[in-house]
Amino acid sequence: MDAKNKIETKKVRSNLISIFLINTVVLFTLSLIGFIYLKSTSVESYFKENVLVSIYLKNNSTDVENKQLIKFLNLNDDVKEISYLSKEDAAENFSKEIGEEFVGFLGYNPLLDAISVQLYSNKIDVYSIEKFIENVNNFEFIEEVEYDKPLVNALNTNFEKIGLWILVLSVIFFITSFILINNSIKISIYSKREIIKTMQLVGATSKFIRKPFIWTYIKIGFLSSIVSVLLLVIMIFQLSLQIEEINFFTKINDLIILVCFIIFYGIFTSFISSYFVTQRYLKLKFVR
C-alpha cells in the first residue's frame, strides 16, 4: 500500500512539474513578445534619430548669423540635438581620411561650415523633414540642406511592417498561450477525475472539491510567472551588455506594467482554467 502511495505521489508531483514547465515556457515566450512589442518603439527611435539633416552655410556667412541659426534650431521643438562643424575642422578631418593635405594643393578650402541636426523620431518622415527644411531655408546665408530621403522612406516603410507583424504575432500567441495553459490544466485534472468523483460520493460540496485544485494551479501559475519574469530580466540584462547602443531599460514603467501583466495573466488563466475544468467534471454523473 505504501509503495502504491509513493507511486501515486510521484505521478502527481511529475504532473505538477510538467504543468509548471509548460506554463513557464508559455509565459516567458509571451513576456518576450510583449517586451519586443514595447521596445520596438525604442529601437525604431534609435535608428530614426541617427538620420542627420545637414545644413551647409555660405562662405560669406558671419558668426552672428551662424549663432542666430543655432539659436533658432535649439528653440525648435522638432530638434533633438545639433552639432556644428567649421570648414577648417571639416578640412582637417577629410585630410586625415584621405591621408593628404588637399587645401594646400588646391590653394583654398572648398568645404563649407556645416550644422548636423538630429530630429526626434516622430519627425523622421519626408513630409516633416521637408517642412523643417522649408523653415530653415528662410535664412538667406544657407547654401544647401540635404538628408538621405531613400533611407527615411525605407525606415518608415519597414518599421510599419515590423510593427504590424509584431502586433499580429502578439495577439495570436496571446490566444495560443491561454489554450496551452488551459489544456495542460485540463489534462492534469482529467487524471484526477476519480478523486473528484470519490469526494462527491462521500458528500463533499463542489466548493470544497474545487478549492484545493484551484489553489494548487494558482500557485503554479504564480511561480511560473515569477520564473518567466526573472528569465526575461536576465535576458534583457545580457542584451544590454551585448548591445550598448540601445538602452533596454528605458521606459521602466512599461517594463513594470509588462511584469505585472505576466504575473496577473499567469494567475488568472490558472484560476479560470482550473475552475471551469473542475466544474465540468463535477457535473458529470459518471466519470470513467
Protein backbone atom coordinates (compact mmCIF):
# COMPACT_ATOMS: atom_id res chain seq x y z
CA MET A 1 0.00 0.00 0.00
CA ASP A 2 2.85 2.32 0.87
CA ALA A 3 4.56 1.53 -2.43
CA LYS A 4 1.34 2.32 -4.30
CA ASN A 5 1.01 5.63 -2.45
CA LYS A 6 4.59 6.51 -3.31
CA ILE A 7 3.96 5.79 -6.97
CA GLU A 8 0.82 7.94 -6.94
CA THR A 9 2.68 10.75 -5.17
CA LYS A 10 5.45 10.62 -7.78
CA LYS A 11 2.88 10.73 -10.58
CA VAL A 12 1.15 13.76 -9.06
CA ARG A 13 4.46 15.53 -8.48
CA SER A 14 5.63 14.76 -12.03
CA ASN A 15 2.32 16.01 -13.38
CA LEU A 16 2.56 19.30 -11.48
CA ILE A 17 6.19 19.80 -12.54
CA SER A 18 5.16 19.29 -16.18
CA ILE A 19 2.45 21.94 -15.83
CA PHE A 20 4.94 24.30 -14.16
CA LEU A 21 7.44 23.88 -17.02
CA ILE A 22 4.76 24.31 -19.71
CA ASN A 23 3.39 27.43 -18.02
CA THR A 24 6.87 28.88 -17.57
CA VAL A 25 7.82 28.39 -21.22
CA VAL A 26 4.49 29.81 -22.41
CA LEU A 27 4.61 32.83 -20.08
CA PHE A 28 8.27 33.54 -20.87
CA THR A 29 7.55 33.49 -24.60
CA LEU A 30 4.54 35.75 -24.07
CA SER A 31 6.60 38.16 -21.95
CA LEU A 32 9.35 38.15 -24.60
CA ILE A 33 6.88 39.04 -27.36
CA GLY A 34 5.40 41.73 -25.12
CA PHE A 35 8.87 43.14 -24.46
CA ILE A 36 9.70 43.15 -28.18
CA TYR A 37 6.45 44.99 -28.87
CA LEU A 38 7.23 47.60 -26.20
CA LYS A 39 10.87 48.04 -27.23
CA SER A 40 10.16 48.14 -30.95
CA THR A 41 9.36 51.84 -30.47
CA SER A 42 12.72 52.44 -28.77
CA VAL A 43 14.59 50.54 -31.47
CA GLU A 44 12.72 52.49 -34.14
CA SER A 45 13.60 55.76 -32.38
CA TYR A 46 17.26 54.74 -32.18
CA PHE A 47 17.56 54.15 -35.92
CA LYS A 48 15.45 57.14 -36.97
CA GLU A 49 17.26 59.60 -34.73
CA ASN A 50 20.54 58.63 -36.38
CA VAL A 51 19.27 60.15 -39.62
CA LEU A 52 21.03 63.51 -39.98
CA VAL A 53 19.83 66.66 -41.71
CA SER A 54 22.96 68.52 -42.86
CA ILE A 55 22.81 72.30 -43.18
CA TYR A 56 25.67 73.90 -45.19
CA LEU A 57 26.37 77.62 -44.71
CA LYS A 58 27.61 80.05 -47.35
CA ASN A 59 31.23 81.18 -47.21
CA ASN A 60 30.19 84.75 -46.56
CA SER A 61 28.05 83.91 -43.53
CA THR A 62 29.09 85.69 -40.35
CA ASP A 63 29.47 84.37 -36.81
CA VAL A 64 26.44 86.38 -35.76
CA GLU A 65 24.33 84.75 -38.47
CA ASN A 66 25.63 81.29 -37.55
CA LYS A 67 24.76 81.84 -33.88
CA GLN A 68 21.34 83.11 -34.93
CA LEU A 69 20.69 79.88 -36.83
CA ILE A 70 21.97 77.72 -33.97
CA LYS A 71 19.68 79.56 -31.55
CA PHE A 72 16.74 79.03 -33.90
CA LEU A 73 17.49 75.30 -34.08
CA ASN A 74 17.86 74.96 -30.31
CA LEU A 75 14.44 76.54 -29.82
CA ASN A 76 12.82 74.27 -32.42
CA ASP A 77 10.69 71.56 -30.76
CA ASP A 78 11.43 69.11 -33.60
CA VAL A 79 15.19 69.20 -32.99
CA LYS A 80 16.75 66.75 -30.56
CA GLU A 81 20.42 67.63 -30.96
CA ILE A 82 22.69 69.74 -33.17
CA SER A 83 26.43 69.77 -33.81
CA TYR A 84 28.47 72.49 -35.56
CA LEU A 85 31.47 71.69 -37.74
CA SER A 86 33.56 74.52 -39.14
CA LYS A 87 35.04 74.22 -42.62
CA GLU A 88 38.55 74.23 -41.09
CA ASP A 89 37.74 71.25 -38.87
CA ALA A 90 35.99 69.54 -41.78
CA ALA A 91 39.10 70.03 -43.96
CA GLU A 92 41.34 68.64 -41.22
CA ASN A 93 39.10 65.56 -40.79
CA PHE A 94 38.95 64.99 -44.53
CA SER A 95 42.74 65.30 -44.85
CA LYS A 96 43.17 62.61 -42.18
CA GLU A 97 40.77 60.32 -44.04
CA ILE A 98 42.49 60.62 -47.42
CA GLY A 99 45.99 60.94 -45.95
CA GLU A 100 46.79 64.08 -47.94
CA GLU A 101 46.72 67.83 -47.32
CA PHE A 102 44.34 68.88 -50.12
CA VAL A 103 43.83 72.52 -49.01
CA GLY A 104 47.49 73.40 -49.71
CA PHE A 105 47.30 71.59 -53.03
CA LEU A 106 44.13 73.42 -54.14
CA GLY A 107 45.12 76.74 -52.63
CA TYR A 108 41.76 77.16 -50.92
CA ASN A 109 39.27 75.28 -48.75
CA PRO A 110 36.29 74.13 -50.86
CA LEU A 111 34.33 72.86 -47.85
CA LEU A 112 31.60 74.77 -46.04
CA ASP A 113 30.65 75.30 -42.42
CA ALA A 114 28.02 72.69 -41.57
CA ILE A 115 25.44 72.03 -38.88
CA SER A 116 24.24 68.45 -38.40
CA VAL A 117 20.71 68.19 -37.00
CA GLN A 118 19.11 65.20 -35.29
CA LEU A 119 15.31 65.34 -35.28
CA TYR A 120 13.08 63.45 -32.89
CA SER A 121 11.97 60.07 -34.22
CA ASN A 122 8.33 61.12 -34.65
CA LYS A 123 9.53 63.80 -37.08
CA ILE A 124 11.54 61.44 -39.26
CA ASP A 125 9.30 61.29 -42.32
CA VAL A 126 9.60 63.01 -45.66
CA TYR A 127 6.74 65.46 -45.02
CA SER A 128 8.06 66.65 -41.63
CA ILE A 129 11.67 66.91 -42.81
CA GLU A 130 10.70 68.85 -45.95
CA LYS A 131 8.66 71.23 -43.79
CA PHE A 132 11.64 71.64 -41.46
CA ILE A 133 13.94 72.36 -44.44
CA GLU A 134 11.44 74.90 -45.77
CA ASN A 135 11.61 76.81 -42.48
CA VAL A 136 15.41 76.63 -42.35
CA ASN A 137 15.77 77.90 -45.92
CA ASN A 138 14.29 81.23 -44.82
CA PHE A 139 17.81 82.09 -43.69
CA GLU A 140 19.50 83.63 -46.74
CA PHE A 141 23.02 82.60 -45.73
CA ILE A 142 22.24 78.87 -46.08
CA GLU A 143 23.87 77.26 -49.10
CA GLU A 144 22.17 73.86 -49.03
CA VAL A 145 20.19 71.46 -46.82
CA GLU A 146 20.31 67.75 -47.51
CA TYR A 147 19.28 64.40 -45.98
CA ASP A 148 19.03 60.76 -47.05
CA LYS A 149 15.47 60.67 -48.43
CA PRO A 150 15.54 56.99 -49.59
CA LEU A 151 16.75 55.94 -46.13
CA VAL A 152 13.91 57.84 -44.43
CA ASN A 153 11.32 56.21 -46.71
CA ALA A 154 12.84 52.75 -46.13
CA LEU A 155 12.89 53.19 -42.33
CA ASN A 156 9.24 54.27 -42.16
CA THR A 157 8.02 51.55 -44.52
CA ASN A 158 9.94 48.74 -42.83
CA PHE A 159 9.10 49.74 -39.26
CA GLU A 160 5.41 49.99 -40.14
CA LYS A 161 5.53 46.40 -41.44
CA ILE A 162 7.52 45.20 -38.42
CA GLY A 163 5.08 46.87 -36.01
CA LEU A 164 2.09 45.27 -37.74
CA TRP A 165 3.65 41.79 -37.68
CA ILE A 166 4.63 42.09 -34.03
CA LEU A 167 1.07 43.13 -33.15
CA VAL A 168 -0.44 40.22 -35.10
CA LEU A 169 2.05 37.78 -33.56
CA SER A 170 1.28 39.12 -30.06
CA VAL A 171 -2.46 38.61 -30.50
CA ILE A 172 -2.02 35.12 -31.95
CA PHE A 173 0.32 33.97 -29.21
CA PHE A 174 -1.82 35.58 -26.52
CA ILE A 175 -4.71 33.35 -27.59
CA THR A 176 -2.43 30.34 -28.10
CA SER A 177 -0.87 30.75 -24.64
CA PHE A 178 -4.29 30.61 -22.99
CA ILE A 179 -5.18 27.46 -24.93
CA LEU A 180 -1.87 25.78 -23.99
CA ILE A 181 -2.19 26.59 -20.28
CA ASN A 182 -5.84 25.57 -20.27
CA ASN A 183 -5.10 22.24 -21.98
CA SER A 184 -2.23 21.42 -19.61
CA ILE A 185 -4.53 22.00 -16.61
CA LYS A 186 -7.34 20.06 -18.29
CA ILE A 187 -5.10 17.01 -18.76
CA SER A 188 -3.88 17.27 -15.17
CA ILE A 189 -7.40 17.46 -13.70
CA TYR A 190 -8.58 14.67 -16.01
CA SER A 191 -6.02 12.36 -14.37
CA LYS A 192 -7.68 13.14 -11.02
CA ARG A 193 -11.27 12.67 -12.17
CA GLU A 194 -11.72 9.56 -9.99
CA ILE A 195 -10.66 11.54 -6.90
CA ILE A 196 -13.26 14.17 -7.73
CA LYS A 197 -15.98 11.54 -8.09
CA THR A 198 -14.95 9.80 -4.84
CA MET A 199 -15.14 13.09 -2.94
CA GLN A 200 -18.60 13.71 -4.39
CA LEU A 201 -19.76 10.25 -3.31
CA VAL A 202 -18.73 10.87 0.32
CA GLY A 203 -20.76 14.08 0.35
CA ALA A 204 -18.13 16.78 -0.26
CA THR A 205 -19.54 20.03 -1.64
CA SER A 206 -18.49 21.39 -5.04
CA LYS A 207 -16.80 24.36 -3.38
CA PHE A 208 -14.81 22.07 -1.08
CA ILE A 209 -13.67 19.91 -4.02
CA ARG A 210 -12.77 22.87 -6.27
CA LYS A 211 -10.77 24.81 -3.69
CA PRO A 212 -7.60 22.63 -3.47
CA PHE A 213 -7.46 22.23 -7.26
CA ILE A 214 -7.83 25.95 -7.90
CA TRP A 215 -5.35 26.88 -5.18
CA THR A 216 -2.76 24.40 -6.47
CA TYR A 217 -2.89 25.69 -10.05
CA ILE A 218 -2.93 29.32 -8.93
CA LYS A 219 0.32 28.69 -7.03
CA ILE A 220 1.79 27.00 -10.10
CA GLY A 221 0.67 29.92 -12.28
CA PHE A 222 2.21 32.42 -9.86
CA LEU A 223 5.53 30.57 -9.62
CA SER A 224 5.66 30.11 -13.40
CA SER A 225 5.07 33.81 -13.99
CA ILE A 226 7.76 34.80 -11.47
CA VAL A 227 10.30 32.47 -13.08
CA SER A 228 9.39 33.67 -16.58
CA VAL A 229 9.79 37.30 -15.49
CA LEU A 230 13.19 36.55 -13.93
CA LEU A 231 14.30 34.85 -17.15
CA LEU A 232 13.14 37.90 -19.12
CA VAL A 233 15.07 40.31 -16.85
CA ILE A 234 18.23 38.17 -17.16
CA MET A 235 17.85 38.13 -20.95
CA ILE A 236 17.35 41.92 -21.08
CA PHE A 237 20.40 42.45 -18.87
CA GLN A 238 22.52 40.27 -21.16
CA LEU A 239 21.25 42.13 -24.23
CA SER A 240 22.10 45.48 -22.65
CA LEU A 241 25.68 44.24 -22.12
CA GLN A 242 25.97 43.00 -25.71
CA ILE A 243 24.28 45.99 -27.41
CA GLU A 244 25.43 49.08 -25.55
CA GLU A 245 23.98 51.49 -28.13
CA ILE A 246 20.42 50.68 -27.08
CA ASN A 247 19.26 51.19 -23.51
CA PHE A 248 16.83 48.33 -22.93
CA PHE A 249 15.88 49.65 -19.51
CA THR A 250 14.37 52.92 -20.74
CA LYS A 251 10.67 53.48 -20.04
CA ILE A 252 10.88 51.42 -16.86
CA ASN A 253 7.15 51.99 -16.30
CA ASP A 254 6.38 49.94 -19.42
CA LEU A 255 8.56 47.12 -18.11
CA ILE A 256 6.79 47.21 -14.74
CA ILE A 257 3.41 47.08 -16.48
CA LEU A 258 4.58 44.08 -18.55
CA VAL A 259 5.81 42.25 -15.42
CA CYS A 260 2.53 42.91 -13.58
CA PHE A 261 0.56 41.74 -16.63
CA ILE A 262 2.51 38.47 -16.90
CA ILE A 263 2.02 37.72 -13.19
CA PHE A 264 -1.68 38.58 -13.36
CA TYR A 265 -2.12 36.60 -16.58
CA GLY A 266 -0.40 33.52 -15.12
CA ILE A 267 -2.64 33.58 -12.05
CA PHE A 268 -5.83 34.48 -13.92
CA THR A 269 -5.51 31.80 -16.62
CA SER A 270 -4.74 29.18 -13.97
CA PHE A 271 -7.76 30.22 -11.93
CA ILE A 272 -10.19 30.34 -14.87
CA SER A 273 -8.98 27.07 -16.38
CA SER A 274 -8.94 25.11 -13.11
CA TYR A 275 -12.35 26.45 -12.08
CA PHE A 276 -14.19 25.57 -15.28
CA VAL A 277 -12.40 22.26 -15.89
CA THR A 278 -13.12 21.13 -12.32
CA GLN A 279 -16.71 22.31 -12.67
CA ARG A 280 -17.04 20.23 -15.80
CA TYR A 281 -16.07 17.01 -14.01
CA LEU A 282 -18.27 17.88 -11.03
CA LYS A 283 -21.30 17.94 -13.32
CA LEU A 284 -20.60 14.54 -14.82
CA LYS A 285 -22.76 11.79 -13.40
CA PHE A 286 -20.25 9.09 -14.22
CA VAL A 287 -16.54 9.56 -14.63
CA ARG A 288 -14.78 6.80 -16.49
